[in-house]
């Protein structure tokens, strides 16, 4: 990620959930991605964050093994870069933006295609 670049939170959320229709992730990986998005947003979208496992586990309530599996899943899906550091130092995390990645639009997804519908009132005066 280039310095000074900030993700568009809503665009990334919409792209993430649209991508799940064709490339599903476990609920644990989805939750980890959401927590990482939150933490990057709170930090002002730095290129990378150093995050202790205990910080992530505090949000998620997982075991360390479950966190590790979810992290590996996000890395394999191309959504996360994880760089361990020596010893007991917290690793670096970098979110890979979905913006610009191709999304399969052939799936009829009503969330991506809002429709205006007129609802008749239940009671008329």
N, C-alpha and C. Protein backbone atom coordinates (compact mmCIF):
# COMPACT_ATOMS: atom_id res chain seq x y z
N UNK A 1 0.84 -1.17 0.00
CA UNK A 1 0.00 0.00 0.00
C UNK A 1 0.89 1.24 0.00
N UNK A 2 0.51 2.22 -0.74
CA UNK A 2 1.31 3.44 -0.78
C UNK A 2 1.01 4.31 0.44
N UNK A 3 1.99 5.09 0.84
CA UNK A 3 1.85 5.95 2.01
C UNK A 3 0.82 7.04 1.71
N UNK A 4 -0.02 7.32 2.71
CA UNK A 4 -1.02 8.37 2.56
C UNK A 4 -2.32 7.88 1.94
N UNK A 5 -2.34 6.64 1.54
CA UNK A 5 -3.55 6.09 0.94
C UNK A 5 -4.45 5.54 2.01
N UNK A 6 -5.72 5.82 1.92
CA UNK A 6 -6.68 5.29 2.91
C UNK A 6 -7.75 4.49 2.19
N UNK A 7 -8.08 3.37 2.77
CA UNK A 7 -9.15 2.56 2.20
C UNK A 7 -10.48 3.27 2.37
N UNK A 8 -11.36 3.04 1.43
CA UNK A 8 -12.73 3.49 1.58
C UNK A 8 -13.46 2.37 2.31
N UNK A 9 -13.76 2.60 3.57
CA UNK A 9 -14.31 1.58 4.45
C UNK A 9 -15.53 0.89 3.86
N UNK A 10 -16.49 1.68 3.40
CA UNK A 10 -17.74 1.12 2.88
C UNK A 10 -17.51 0.37 1.58
N UNK A 11 -16.68 0.91 0.69
CA UNK A 11 -16.37 0.22 -0.56
C UNK A 11 -15.72 -1.12 -0.27
N UNK A 12 -14.79 -1.15 0.68
CA UNK A 12 -14.11 -2.40 1.03
C UNK A 12 -15.08 -3.40 1.66
N UNK A 13 -15.95 -2.94 2.55
CA UNK A 13 -16.94 -3.84 3.15
C UNK A 13 -17.84 -4.46 2.08
N UNK A 14 -18.34 -3.62 1.18
CA UNK A 14 -19.22 -4.13 0.13
C UNK A 14 -18.48 -5.11 -0.78
N UNK A 15 -17.25 -4.80 -1.13
CA UNK A 15 -16.46 -5.70 -1.98
C UNK A 15 -16.17 -7.01 -1.26
N UNK A 16 -15.89 -6.93 0.04
CA UNK A 16 -15.59 -8.13 0.81
C UNK A 16 -16.79 -9.07 0.83
N UNK A 17 -17.95 -8.54 1.17
CA UNK A 17 -19.14 -9.39 1.25
C UNK A 17 -19.59 -9.87 -0.12
N UNK A 18 -19.39 -9.07 -1.17
CA UNK A 18 -19.70 -9.53 -2.52
C UNK A 18 -18.77 -10.68 -2.91
N UNK A 19 -17.52 -10.60 -2.52
CA UNK A 19 -16.56 -11.66 -2.87
C UNK A 19 -16.88 -12.97 -2.15
N UNK A 20 -17.53 -12.90 -1.00
CA UNK A 20 -17.88 -14.12 -0.26
C UNK A 20 -18.89 -14.98 -1.02
N UNK A 21 -19.62 -14.38 -1.94
CA UNK A 21 -20.60 -15.14 -2.70
C UNK A 21 -19.92 -16.15 -3.62
N UNK A 22 -18.71 -15.85 -4.06
CA UNK A 22 -18.00 -16.76 -4.96
C UNK A 22 -16.75 -17.35 -4.33
N UNK A 23 -16.24 -16.74 -3.27
CA UNK A 23 -15.06 -17.25 -2.58
C UNK A 23 -15.33 -17.23 -1.08
N UNK A 24 -16.07 -18.21 -0.58
CA UNK A 24 -16.44 -18.20 0.84
C UNK A 24 -15.23 -18.33 1.77
N UNK A 25 -15.39 -17.75 2.94
CA UNK A 25 -14.40 -17.84 4.02
C UNK A 25 -15.11 -18.34 5.27
N UNK A 26 -14.36 -18.94 6.16
CA UNK A 26 -14.94 -19.37 7.43
C UNK A 26 -15.43 -18.16 8.21
N UNK A 27 -16.34 -18.41 9.13
CA UNK A 27 -16.84 -17.30 9.95
C UNK A 27 -15.71 -16.71 10.78
N UNK A 28 -14.75 -17.52 11.18
CA UNK A 28 -13.61 -17.01 11.97
C UNK A 28 -12.76 -16.07 11.13
N UNK A 29 -12.51 -16.42 9.87
CA UNK A 29 -11.72 -15.55 8.99
C UNK A 29 -12.48 -14.26 8.70
N UNK A 30 -13.79 -14.36 8.51
CA UNK A 30 -14.60 -13.16 8.28
C UNK A 30 -14.54 -12.22 9.47
N UNK A 31 -14.66 -12.78 10.67
CA UNK A 31 -14.61 -11.95 11.87
C UNK A 31 -13.24 -11.32 12.05
N UNK A 32 -12.18 -12.06 11.78
CA UNK A 32 -10.83 -11.50 11.89
C UNK A 32 -10.65 -10.36 10.90
N UNK A 33 -11.12 -10.53 9.67
CA UNK A 33 -11.02 -9.47 8.68
C UNK A 33 -11.75 -8.21 9.16
N UNK A 34 -12.94 -8.40 9.72
CA UNK A 34 -13.71 -7.26 10.23
C UNK A 34 -13.00 -6.54 11.36
N UNK A 35 -12.38 -7.28 12.27
CA UNK A 35 -11.63 -6.66 13.37
C UNK A 35 -10.41 -5.93 12.83
N UNK A 36 -9.73 -6.52 11.88
CA UNK A 36 -8.57 -5.85 11.29
C UNK A 36 -9.00 -4.56 10.59
N UNK A 37 -10.11 -4.59 9.85
CA UNK A 37 -10.61 -3.37 9.21
C UNK A 37 -10.89 -2.30 10.26
N UNK A 38 -11.52 -2.70 11.35
CA UNK A 38 -11.82 -1.75 12.42
C UNK A 38 -10.53 -1.14 12.99
N UNK A 39 -9.55 -1.99 13.28
CA UNK A 39 -8.31 -1.50 13.88
C UNK A 39 -7.52 -0.61 12.93
N UNK A 40 -7.49 -0.96 11.65
CA UNK A 40 -6.81 -0.11 10.67
C UNK A 40 -7.54 1.22 10.54
N UNK A 41 -8.86 1.20 10.54
CA UNK A 41 -9.64 2.43 10.47
C UNK A 41 -9.37 3.32 11.68
N UNK A 42 -9.39 2.72 12.87
CA UNK A 42 -9.12 3.49 14.10
C UNK A 42 -7.73 4.10 14.11
N UNK A 43 -6.78 3.40 13.46
CA UNK A 43 -5.40 3.88 13.43
C UNK A 43 -5.15 4.88 12.30
N UNK A 44 -6.16 5.17 11.49
CA UNK A 44 -6.00 6.14 10.41
C UNK A 44 -5.42 5.56 9.14
N UNK A 45 -5.59 4.26 8.92
CA UNK A 45 -5.17 3.56 7.71
C UNK A 45 -3.66 3.62 7.46
N UNK A 46 -2.86 3.21 8.44
CA UNK A 46 -1.42 3.14 8.17
C UNK A 46 -1.16 2.00 7.17
N UNK A 47 -0.01 2.01 6.52
CA UNK A 47 0.30 0.93 5.58
C UNK A 47 0.32 -0.44 6.25
N UNK A 48 0.75 -0.47 7.51
CA UNK A 48 0.76 -1.73 8.26
C UNK A 48 0.58 -1.42 9.74
N UNK A 49 0.15 -2.45 10.46
CA UNK A 49 -0.02 -2.32 11.91
C UNK A 49 0.72 -3.46 12.59
N UNK A 50 1.27 -3.17 13.74
CA UNK A 50 1.84 -4.19 14.59
C UNK A 50 0.77 -4.53 15.62
N UNK A 51 0.32 -5.79 15.61
CA UNK A 51 -0.77 -6.19 16.49
C UNK A 51 -0.41 -7.46 17.23
N UNK A 52 -0.51 -7.39 18.54
CA UNK A 52 -0.28 -8.58 19.36
C UNK A 52 -1.48 -9.52 19.22
N UNK A 53 -1.20 -10.80 19.30
CA UNK A 53 -2.28 -11.79 19.26
C UNK A 53 -3.28 -11.53 20.37
N UNK A 54 -2.81 -11.10 21.53
CA UNK A 54 -3.71 -10.85 22.65
C UNK A 54 -4.73 -9.75 22.32
N UNK A 55 -4.32 -8.76 21.52
CA UNK A 55 -5.25 -7.70 21.10
C UNK A 55 -6.36 -8.29 20.24
N UNK A 56 -5.96 -9.08 19.26
CA UNK A 56 -6.95 -9.68 18.36
C UNK A 56 -7.84 -10.67 19.12
N UNK A 57 -7.23 -11.45 19.98
CA UNK A 57 -8.00 -12.44 20.74
C UNK A 57 -9.00 -11.77 21.68
N UNK A 58 -8.65 -10.58 22.17
CA UNK A 58 -9.57 -9.82 23.02
C UNK A 58 -10.84 -9.43 22.28
N UNK A 59 -10.71 -9.11 21.01
CA UNK A 59 -11.88 -8.78 20.19
C UNK A 59 -12.66 -10.03 19.79
N UNK A 60 -11.94 -11.09 19.48
CA UNK A 60 -12.55 -12.25 18.84
C UNK A 60 -12.99 -13.34 19.81
N UNK A 61 -12.29 -13.49 20.92
CA UNK A 61 -12.62 -14.55 21.86
C UNK A 61 -12.25 -15.93 21.37
N UNK A 62 -11.31 -16.01 20.46
CA UNK A 62 -10.86 -17.29 19.92
C UNK A 62 -9.72 -17.85 20.76
N UNK A 63 -9.39 -19.11 20.46
CA UNK A 63 -8.13 -19.67 20.94
C UNK A 63 -7.04 -19.18 19.98
N UNK A 64 -5.80 -19.27 20.40
CA UNK A 64 -4.70 -18.86 19.52
C UNK A 64 -4.69 -19.72 18.25
N UNK A 65 -4.99 -21.00 18.38
CA UNK A 65 -4.99 -21.90 17.22
C UNK A 65 -6.04 -21.47 16.19
N UNK A 66 -7.22 -21.05 16.66
CA UNK A 66 -8.28 -20.60 15.76
C UNK A 66 -7.87 -19.30 15.09
N UNK A 67 -7.26 -18.38 15.84
CA UNK A 67 -6.75 -17.14 15.26
C UNK A 67 -5.74 -17.44 14.17
N UNK A 68 -4.83 -18.35 14.44
CA UNK A 68 -3.81 -18.71 13.48
C UNK A 68 -4.42 -19.29 12.20
N UNK A 69 -5.41 -20.17 12.32
CA UNK A 69 -6.08 -20.74 11.15
C UNK A 69 -6.80 -19.66 10.35
N UNK A 70 -7.48 -18.74 11.03
CA UNK A 70 -8.20 -17.66 10.35
C UNK A 70 -7.22 -16.75 9.62
N UNK A 71 -6.11 -16.46 10.25
CA UNK A 71 -5.08 -15.61 9.63
C UNK A 71 -4.51 -16.28 8.39
N UNK A 72 -4.20 -17.58 8.47
CA UNK A 72 -3.68 -18.33 7.33
C UNK A 72 -4.69 -18.32 6.19
N UNK A 73 -5.97 -18.43 6.52
CA UNK A 73 -7.03 -18.42 5.51
C UNK A 73 -7.09 -17.07 4.79
N UNK A 74 -6.98 -15.97 5.54
CA UNK A 74 -7.00 -14.64 4.92
C UNK A 74 -5.77 -14.42 4.05
N UNK A 75 -4.61 -14.90 4.50
CA UNK A 75 -3.39 -14.78 3.70
C UNK A 75 -3.55 -15.58 2.40
N UNK A 76 -4.05 -16.81 2.50
CA UNK A 76 -4.24 -17.66 1.33
C UNK A 76 -5.24 -17.05 0.35
N UNK A 77 -6.23 -16.33 0.86
CA UNK A 77 -7.24 -15.69 0.01
C UNK A 77 -6.72 -14.39 -0.61
N UNK A 78 -5.52 -13.97 -0.23
CA UNK A 78 -4.95 -12.74 -0.78
C UNK A 78 -5.50 -11.47 -0.16
N UNK A 79 -6.08 -11.58 1.03
CA UNK A 79 -6.69 -10.43 1.69
C UNK A 79 -5.81 -9.82 2.77
N UNK A 80 -4.74 -10.51 3.13
CA UNK A 80 -3.92 -10.09 4.27
C UNK A 80 -2.46 -10.48 4.02
N UNK A 81 -1.59 -9.59 4.43
CA UNK A 81 -0.16 -9.90 4.48
C UNK A 81 0.21 -9.92 5.95
N UNK A 82 0.82 -11.01 6.37
CA UNK A 82 1.21 -11.20 7.77
C UNK A 82 2.71 -11.45 7.79
N UNK A 83 3.43 -10.60 8.53
CA UNK A 83 4.88 -10.75 8.63
C UNK A 83 5.27 -10.91 10.10
N UNK A 84 5.63 -12.15 10.48
CA UNK A 84 6.09 -12.38 11.85
C UNK A 84 7.38 -11.62 12.12
N UNK A 85 7.63 -11.37 13.38
CA UNK A 85 8.88 -10.73 13.80
C UNK A 85 9.59 -11.67 14.76
N UNK A 86 10.89 -11.48 14.93
CA UNK A 86 11.65 -12.42 15.77
C UNK A 86 11.21 -12.39 17.23
N UNK A 87 11.43 -13.52 17.88
CA UNK A 87 11.12 -13.63 19.30
C UNK A 87 9.64 -13.50 19.58
N UNK A 88 9.33 -12.77 20.63
CA UNK A 88 7.94 -12.60 21.04
C UNK A 88 7.36 -11.27 20.58
N UNK A 89 8.02 -10.63 19.61
CA UNK A 89 7.53 -9.35 19.09
C UNK A 89 6.25 -9.57 18.29
N UNK A 90 5.32 -8.64 18.41
CA UNK A 90 4.06 -8.71 17.68
C UNK A 90 4.32 -8.61 16.17
N UNK A 91 3.57 -9.36 15.37
CA UNK A 91 3.78 -9.34 13.92
C UNK A 91 3.19 -8.10 13.26
N UNK A 92 3.62 -7.88 12.03
CA UNK A 92 3.06 -6.83 11.19
C UNK A 92 1.89 -7.40 10.41
N UNK A 93 0.84 -6.59 10.27
CA UNK A 93 -0.31 -6.94 9.45
C UNK A 93 -0.49 -5.85 8.40
N UNK A 94 -0.84 -6.27 7.20
CA UNK A 94 -1.15 -5.33 6.13
C UNK A 94 -2.39 -5.85 5.42
N UNK A 95 -3.43 -5.04 5.37
CA UNK A 95 -4.65 -5.42 4.65
C UNK A 95 -4.44 -5.19 3.15
N UNK A 96 -4.88 -6.13 2.36
CA UNK A 96 -4.81 -6.00 0.91
C UNK A 96 -6.16 -5.50 0.45
N UNK A 97 -6.20 -4.31 -0.17
CA UNK A 97 -7.50 -3.76 -0.57
C UNK A 97 -8.17 -4.60 -1.64
N UNK A 98 -9.47 -4.70 -1.55
CA UNK A 98 -10.27 -5.39 -2.56
C UNK A 98 -10.58 -4.46 -3.72
N UNK A 99 -10.51 -3.17 -3.47
CA UNK A 99 -10.79 -2.19 -4.51
C UNK A 99 -9.85 -2.47 -5.68
N UNK A 100 -10.41 -2.57 -6.85
CA UNK A 100 -9.60 -2.84 -8.02
C UNK A 100 -9.52 -4.31 -8.37
N UNK A 101 -9.84 -5.20 -7.41
CA UNK A 101 -9.88 -6.63 -7.73
C UNK A 101 -11.20 -6.93 -8.42
N UNK A 102 -11.17 -7.89 -9.31
CA UNK A 102 -12.41 -8.22 -10.02
C UNK A 102 -13.32 -9.02 -9.10
N UNK A 103 -14.56 -8.64 -9.12
CA UNK A 103 -15.61 -9.32 -8.36
C UNK A 103 -16.54 -9.97 -9.38
N UNK A 104 -16.97 -11.19 -9.12
CA UNK A 104 -17.87 -11.89 -10.02
C UNK A 104 -19.26 -11.27 -9.90
N UNK A 105 -19.62 -10.47 -10.88
CA UNK A 105 -20.93 -9.80 -10.85
C UNK A 105 -22.02 -10.65 -11.48
N UNK A 106 -21.69 -11.87 -11.88
CA UNK A 106 -22.70 -12.72 -12.48
C UNK A 106 -23.66 -13.26 -11.43
N UNK A 107 -23.27 -13.19 -10.16
CA UNK A 107 -24.14 -13.65 -9.09
C UNK A 107 -25.16 -12.56 -8.83
N UNK A 108 -26.42 -12.93 -8.85
CA UNK A 108 -27.48 -11.94 -8.60
C UNK A 108 -27.51 -11.65 -7.11
N UNK A 109 -26.95 -10.54 -6.74
CA UNK A 109 -26.83 -10.18 -5.34
C UNK A 109 -27.67 -8.95 -5.05
N UNK A 110 -28.81 -9.13 -4.38
CA UNK A 110 -29.68 -7.99 -4.11
C UNK A 110 -29.03 -6.91 -3.26
N UNK A 111 -28.01 -7.25 -2.48
CA UNK A 111 -27.35 -6.25 -1.65
C UNK A 111 -26.61 -5.25 -2.54
N UNK A 112 -26.04 -5.74 -3.65
CA UNK A 112 -25.31 -4.87 -4.56
C UNK A 112 -26.21 -4.13 -5.52
N UNK A 113 -27.47 -4.54 -5.60
CA UNK A 113 -28.41 -3.94 -6.54
C UNK A 113 -29.64 -3.46 -5.80
N UNK A 114 -29.52 -2.35 -5.07
CA UNK A 114 -30.68 -1.89 -4.32
C UNK A 114 -31.83 -1.51 -5.26
N UNK A 115 -33.00 -1.84 -4.84
CA UNK A 115 -34.19 -1.54 -5.64
C UNK A 115 -35.13 -0.67 -4.80
N UNK A 116 -35.71 0.28 -5.45
CA UNK A 116 -36.70 1.13 -4.79
C UNK A 116 -38.05 0.44 -4.92
N UNK A 117 -38.65 0.15 -3.81
CA UNK A 117 -39.99 -0.45 -3.85
C UNK A 117 -40.92 0.44 -3.06
N UNK A 118 -42.07 0.60 -3.59
CA UNK A 118 -43.08 1.40 -2.91
C UNK A 118 -43.94 0.48 -2.08
N UNK A 119 -44.10 0.82 -0.85
CA UNK A 119 -44.89 0.01 0.07
C UNK A 119 -46.20 0.74 0.33
N UNK A 120 -47.30 0.01 0.17
CA UNK A 120 -48.60 0.60 0.46
C UNK A 120 -48.74 0.75 1.97
N UNK A 121 -49.24 1.85 2.42
CA UNK A 121 -49.43 2.02 3.86
C UNK A 121 -50.46 1.04 4.39
N UNK A 122 -50.24 0.59 5.62
CA UNK A 122 -51.16 -0.34 6.26
C UNK A 122 -52.47 0.35 6.61
N UNK A 123 -52.35 1.56 7.07
CA UNK A 123 -53.54 2.29 7.49
C UNK A 123 -53.62 3.59 6.70
N UNK A 124 -54.75 3.87 6.19
CA UNK A 124 -54.93 5.15 5.51
C UNK A 124 -55.97 5.94 6.28
N UNK A 125 -55.73 7.23 6.43
CA UNK A 125 -56.68 8.04 7.18
C UNK A 125 -57.68 8.69 6.27
